[in-house]
N, C-alpha and C. Protein backbone atom coordinates (compact mmCIF):
# COMPACT_ATOMS: atom_id res chain seq x y z
N UNK A 1 -20.13 -218.01 179.21
CA UNK A 1 -18.88 -217.37 178.98
C UNK A 1 -18.75 -217.03 177.51
N UNK A 2 -18.21 -215.88 177.24
CA UNK A 2 -17.99 -215.47 175.86
C UNK A 2 -16.60 -215.91 175.42
N UNK A 3 -16.48 -216.25 174.15
CA UNK A 3 -15.18 -216.64 173.62
C UNK A 3 -14.81 -215.66 172.54
N UNK A 4 -13.63 -215.09 172.64
CA UNK A 4 -13.17 -214.12 171.66
C UNK A 4 -11.99 -214.74 170.92
N UNK A 5 -12.04 -214.75 169.61
CA UNK A 5 -10.94 -215.29 168.82
C UNK A 5 -10.26 -214.14 168.11
N UNK A 6 -8.95 -214.06 168.25
CA UNK A 6 -8.18 -213.02 167.60
C UNK A 6 -7.84 -213.46 166.18
N UNK A 7 -8.01 -212.57 165.23
CA UNK A 7 -7.71 -212.88 163.84
C UNK A 7 -6.23 -213.18 163.68
N UNK A 8 -5.92 -214.24 162.97
CA UNK A 8 -4.53 -214.59 162.73
C UNK A 8 -3.90 -215.42 163.83
N UNK A 9 -4.60 -215.71 164.88
CA UNK A 9 -4.07 -216.51 165.97
C UNK A 9 -4.64 -217.92 165.88
N UNK A 10 -3.85 -218.87 166.33
CA UNK A 10 -4.31 -220.25 166.29
C UNK A 10 -5.36 -220.54 167.35
N UNK A 11 -5.36 -219.76 168.42
CA UNK A 11 -6.34 -220.01 169.49
C UNK A 11 -6.89 -218.70 169.99
N UNK A 12 -8.04 -218.78 170.66
CA UNK A 12 -8.66 -217.60 171.25
C UNK A 12 -8.37 -217.56 172.74
N UNK A 13 -9.04 -216.67 173.43
CA UNK A 13 -8.93 -216.65 174.88
C UNK A 13 -10.31 -216.44 175.46
N UNK A 14 -10.51 -216.88 176.66
CA UNK A 14 -11.81 -216.80 177.31
C UNK A 14 -11.89 -215.56 178.17
N UNK A 15 -12.97 -214.84 178.06
CA UNK A 15 -13.20 -213.69 178.92
C UNK A 15 -13.59 -214.22 180.29
N UNK A 16 -12.83 -213.83 181.30
CA UNK A 16 -13.07 -214.32 182.65
C UNK A 16 -14.22 -213.54 183.27
N UNK A 17 -15.13 -214.25 183.87
CA UNK A 17 -16.28 -213.62 184.50
C UNK A 17 -15.86 -212.82 185.73
N UNK A 18 -16.59 -211.73 186.07
CA UNK A 18 -16.29 -211.01 187.31
C UNK A 18 -16.28 -211.96 188.49
N UNK A 19 -15.43 -211.67 189.44
CA UNK A 19 -15.27 -212.55 190.58
C UNK A 19 -14.02 -213.39 190.44
N UNK A 20 -13.57 -213.51 189.22
CA UNK A 20 -12.34 -214.23 188.94
C UNK A 20 -11.22 -213.19 188.77
N UNK A 21 -10.02 -213.64 188.91
CA UNK A 21 -8.89 -212.75 188.70
C UNK A 21 -8.03 -212.68 189.94
N UNK A 22 -6.85 -212.20 189.75
CA UNK A 22 -5.87 -212.12 190.81
C UNK A 22 -6.09 -210.86 191.65
N UNK A 23 -6.11 -211.02 192.97
CA UNK A 23 -6.21 -209.85 193.83
C UNK A 23 -4.87 -209.13 193.79
N UNK A 24 -4.93 -207.81 193.64
CA UNK A 24 -3.74 -207.00 193.47
C UNK A 24 -3.84 -205.76 194.35
N UNK A 25 -2.71 -205.27 194.81
CA UNK A 25 -2.70 -204.03 195.59
C UNK A 25 -2.90 -202.86 194.65
N UNK A 26 -3.53 -201.81 195.15
CA UNK A 26 -3.83 -200.64 194.36
C UNK A 26 -2.59 -200.04 193.72
N UNK A 27 -1.49 -199.96 194.44
CA UNK A 27 -0.27 -199.36 193.89
C UNK A 27 0.23 -200.15 192.68
N UNK A 28 0.09 -201.46 192.70
CA UNK A 28 0.52 -202.29 191.57
C UNK A 28 -0.40 -202.10 190.38
N UNK A 29 -1.70 -201.97 190.62
CA UNK A 29 -2.64 -201.75 189.53
C UNK A 29 -2.32 -200.45 188.80
N UNK A 30 -1.99 -199.40 189.53
CA UNK A 30 -1.66 -198.12 188.92
C UNK A 30 -0.42 -198.23 188.03
N UNK A 31 0.53 -199.05 188.41
CA UNK A 31 1.75 -199.24 187.62
C UNK A 31 1.48 -199.90 186.28
N UNK A 32 0.39 -200.65 186.19
CA UNK A 32 0.06 -201.33 184.95
C UNK A 32 -0.33 -200.36 183.84
N UNK A 33 -0.83 -199.18 184.20
CA UNK A 33 -1.27 -198.21 183.21
C UNK A 33 -0.08 -197.33 182.83
N UNK A 34 0.90 -197.94 182.19
CA UNK A 34 2.06 -197.18 181.73
C UNK A 34 2.45 -197.69 180.36
N UNK A 35 2.91 -196.81 179.54
CA UNK A 35 3.28 -197.18 178.19
C UNK A 35 2.11 -197.11 177.24
N UNK A 36 2.41 -196.91 175.98
CA UNK A 36 1.36 -196.72 174.99
C UNK A 36 0.64 -198.01 174.61
N UNK A 37 1.22 -199.17 174.88
CA UNK A 37 0.59 -200.43 174.52
C UNK A 37 -0.10 -201.11 175.69
N UNK A 38 -0.11 -200.47 176.83
CA UNK A 38 -0.70 -201.06 178.03
C UNK A 38 -1.97 -200.31 178.39
N UNK A 39 -3.08 -201.02 178.52
CA UNK A 39 -4.33 -200.37 178.91
C UNK A 39 -5.00 -201.14 180.03
N UNK A 40 -5.69 -200.39 180.89
CA UNK A 40 -6.45 -200.97 182.00
C UNK A 40 -7.90 -200.57 181.82
N UNK A 41 -8.80 -201.54 181.97
CA UNK A 41 -10.24 -201.33 181.82
C UNK A 41 -10.93 -201.67 183.12
N UNK A 42 -11.91 -200.87 183.50
CA UNK A 42 -12.74 -201.13 184.69
C UNK A 42 -13.91 -202.00 184.26
N UNK A 43 -14.11 -203.13 184.96
CA UNK A 43 -15.16 -204.09 184.61
C UNK A 43 -16.34 -204.11 185.58
N UNK A 44 -16.36 -203.19 186.54
CA UNK A 44 -17.46 -203.14 187.48
C UNK A 44 -17.03 -203.52 188.88
N UNK A 45 -17.99 -203.49 189.79
CA UNK A 45 -17.73 -203.76 191.21
C UNK A 45 -18.82 -204.64 191.80
N UNK A 46 -18.48 -205.29 192.90
CA UNK A 46 -19.48 -206.00 193.69
C UNK A 46 -19.30 -205.55 195.14
N UNK A 47 -19.85 -206.26 196.08
CA UNK A 47 -19.81 -205.83 197.48
C UNK A 47 -18.40 -205.84 198.06
N UNK A 48 -17.48 -206.60 197.47
CA UNK A 48 -16.15 -206.75 198.05
C UNK A 48 -15.01 -206.18 197.21
N UNK A 49 -15.15 -206.22 195.86
CA UNK A 49 -14.05 -205.85 194.98
C UNK A 49 -14.47 -204.92 193.84
N UNK A 50 -13.46 -204.20 193.29
CA UNK A 50 -13.55 -203.53 191.99
C UNK A 50 -12.75 -204.43 191.05
N UNK A 51 -13.26 -204.63 189.81
CA UNK A 51 -12.63 -205.54 188.86
C UNK A 51 -12.05 -204.78 187.68
N UNK A 52 -10.86 -205.20 187.25
CA UNK A 52 -10.14 -204.55 186.16
C UNK A 52 -9.55 -205.60 185.23
N UNK A 53 -9.38 -205.21 183.96
CA UNK A 53 -8.70 -206.03 182.99
C UNK A 53 -7.52 -205.25 182.45
N UNK A 54 -6.37 -205.89 182.40
CA UNK A 54 -5.16 -205.27 181.87
C UNK A 54 -4.81 -205.94 180.55
N UNK A 55 -4.60 -205.11 179.51
CA UNK A 55 -4.21 -205.62 178.21
C UNK A 55 -2.81 -205.11 177.87
N UNK A 56 -1.89 -206.00 177.64
CA UNK A 56 -0.57 -205.72 177.07
C UNK A 56 -0.06 -207.06 176.54
N UNK A 57 -0.22 -207.27 175.27
CA UNK A 57 0.06 -208.55 174.60
C UNK A 57 -0.92 -209.65 175.01
N UNK A 58 -1.28 -209.74 176.27
CA UNK A 58 -2.27 -210.71 176.75
C UNK A 58 -3.26 -209.98 177.64
N UNK A 59 -4.31 -210.67 178.02
CA UNK A 59 -5.33 -210.10 178.90
C UNK A 59 -5.19 -210.74 180.28
N UNK A 60 -5.16 -209.92 181.32
CA UNK A 60 -5.10 -210.41 182.69
C UNK A 60 -6.16 -209.72 183.52
N UNK A 61 -6.89 -210.49 184.30
CA UNK A 61 -7.94 -209.94 185.18
C UNK A 61 -7.39 -209.71 186.57
N UNK A 62 -7.76 -208.58 187.17
CA UNK A 62 -7.35 -208.24 188.53
C UNK A 62 -8.55 -207.75 189.32
N UNK A 63 -8.42 -207.80 190.63
CA UNK A 63 -9.45 -207.24 191.50
C UNK A 63 -8.75 -206.50 192.64
N UNK A 64 -9.36 -205.37 193.05
CA UNK A 64 -8.84 -204.54 194.13
C UNK A 64 -9.95 -204.43 195.17
N UNK A 65 -9.60 -204.59 196.42
CA UNK A 65 -10.60 -204.48 197.49
C UNK A 65 -11.22 -203.09 197.50
N UNK A 66 -12.53 -203.06 197.72
CA UNK A 66 -13.26 -201.79 197.72
C UNK A 66 -12.75 -200.82 198.78
N UNK A 67 -12.27 -201.34 199.91
CA UNK A 67 -11.80 -200.43 200.96
C UNK A 67 -10.47 -199.77 200.61
N UNK A 68 -9.82 -200.19 199.51
CA UNK A 68 -8.58 -199.56 199.06
C UNK A 68 -8.82 -198.46 198.04
N UNK A 69 -9.97 -198.47 197.40
CA UNK A 69 -10.20 -197.57 196.27
C UNK A 69 -11.65 -197.11 196.22
N UNK A 70 -11.86 -195.81 196.15
CA UNK A 70 -13.18 -195.23 195.94
C UNK A 70 -13.28 -194.91 194.45
N UNK A 71 -13.88 -195.83 193.69
CA UNK A 71 -13.92 -195.69 192.24
C UNK A 71 -15.06 -194.80 191.80
N UNK A 72 -14.78 -193.76 190.98
CA UNK A 72 -15.84 -192.89 190.47
C UNK A 72 -16.67 -193.61 189.40
N UNK A 73 -17.92 -193.26 189.28
CA UNK A 73 -18.79 -193.81 188.24
C UNK A 73 -18.85 -195.34 188.26
N UNK A 74 -18.96 -195.89 189.43
CA UNK A 74 -18.96 -197.35 189.57
C UNK A 74 -20.29 -197.93 189.08
N UNK A 75 -20.23 -199.18 188.60
CA UNK A 75 -21.42 -199.91 188.17
C UNK A 75 -21.24 -201.38 188.56
N UNK A 76 -22.32 -202.14 188.63
CA UNK A 76 -22.23 -203.55 189.04
C UNK A 76 -21.46 -204.39 188.03
N UNK A 77 -20.61 -205.26 188.51
CA UNK A 77 -19.85 -206.13 187.62
C UNK A 77 -20.77 -207.08 186.86
N UNK A 78 -21.95 -207.30 187.36
CA UNK A 78 -22.91 -208.19 186.71
C UNK A 78 -23.43 -207.62 185.38
N UNK A 79 -23.19 -206.34 185.10
CA UNK A 79 -23.64 -205.75 183.84
C UNK A 79 -22.87 -206.27 182.64
N UNK A 80 -21.67 -206.82 182.87
CA UNK A 80 -20.90 -207.39 181.78
C UNK A 80 -20.32 -206.38 180.80
N UNK A 81 -20.03 -205.18 181.26
CA UNK A 81 -19.43 -204.17 180.38
C UNK A 81 -18.12 -203.69 180.97
N UNK A 82 -17.34 -202.97 180.17
CA UNK A 82 -16.07 -202.43 180.61
C UNK A 82 -15.91 -201.01 180.09
N UNK A 83 -15.19 -200.19 180.83
CA UNK A 83 -14.86 -198.84 180.39
C UNK A 83 -13.37 -198.61 180.61
N UNK A 84 -12.78 -197.79 179.75
CA UNK A 84 -11.35 -197.50 179.87
C UNK A 84 -11.10 -196.83 181.22
N UNK A 85 -10.13 -197.34 181.96
CA UNK A 85 -9.86 -196.85 183.31
C UNK A 85 -8.61 -196.01 183.40
N UNK A 86 -7.81 -195.99 182.38
CA UNK A 86 -6.48 -195.38 182.44
C UNK A 86 -6.39 -194.04 183.13
N UNK A 87 -7.07 -193.04 182.63
CA UNK A 87 -6.93 -191.69 183.19
C UNK A 87 -7.57 -191.59 184.56
N UNK A 88 -8.73 -192.19 184.74
CA UNK A 88 -9.37 -192.17 186.06
C UNK A 88 -8.51 -192.88 187.09
N UNK A 89 -7.89 -193.95 186.67
CA UNK A 89 -7.04 -194.72 187.58
C UNK A 89 -5.88 -193.86 188.07
N UNK A 90 -5.26 -193.12 187.17
CA UNK A 90 -4.12 -192.29 187.55
C UNK A 90 -4.52 -191.05 188.33
N UNK A 91 -5.77 -190.63 188.21
CA UNK A 91 -6.24 -189.42 188.88
C UNK A 91 -6.91 -189.67 190.22
N UNK A 92 -7.10 -190.91 190.63
CA UNK A 92 -7.78 -191.18 191.90
C UNK A 92 -6.91 -190.73 193.08
N UNK A 93 -7.51 -190.08 194.07
CA UNK A 93 -6.74 -189.59 195.23
C UNK A 93 -5.97 -190.68 195.94
N UNK A 94 -6.52 -191.89 196.03
CA UNK A 94 -5.83 -192.98 196.72
C UNK A 94 -4.49 -193.31 196.06
N UNK A 95 -4.44 -193.19 194.73
CA UNK A 95 -3.21 -193.48 194.00
C UNK A 95 -2.26 -192.28 194.06
N UNK A 96 -2.80 -191.08 193.97
CA UNK A 96 -1.96 -189.89 194.00
C UNK A 96 -1.26 -189.73 195.34
N UNK A 97 -1.86 -190.23 196.41
CA UNK A 97 -1.26 -190.09 197.75
C UNK A 97 -0.13 -191.08 197.99
N UNK A 98 0.03 -192.06 197.12
CA UNK A 98 1.06 -193.10 197.32
C UNK A 98 2.40 -192.67 196.77
């Protein structure tokens, strides 16, 4: 596990490995990408879930079932990388239809 320490803070936070995180409905995930200080990052996928990280003051990990979302440019969560999901998240047909 990687440990990230924020400058000026008394403590750091642990980056949660893929597979961890709260399962969330797709409509709720889309709501998280609002406001200029809120960002959602795509962390990869496995056979069952797509994984996302939401940053707004704190970091929260979420997962969405694959059958709810057809994510473009998907990659394995085991790669340990993240890409900004904001615009893609808002443009996905599954979210636009809701």
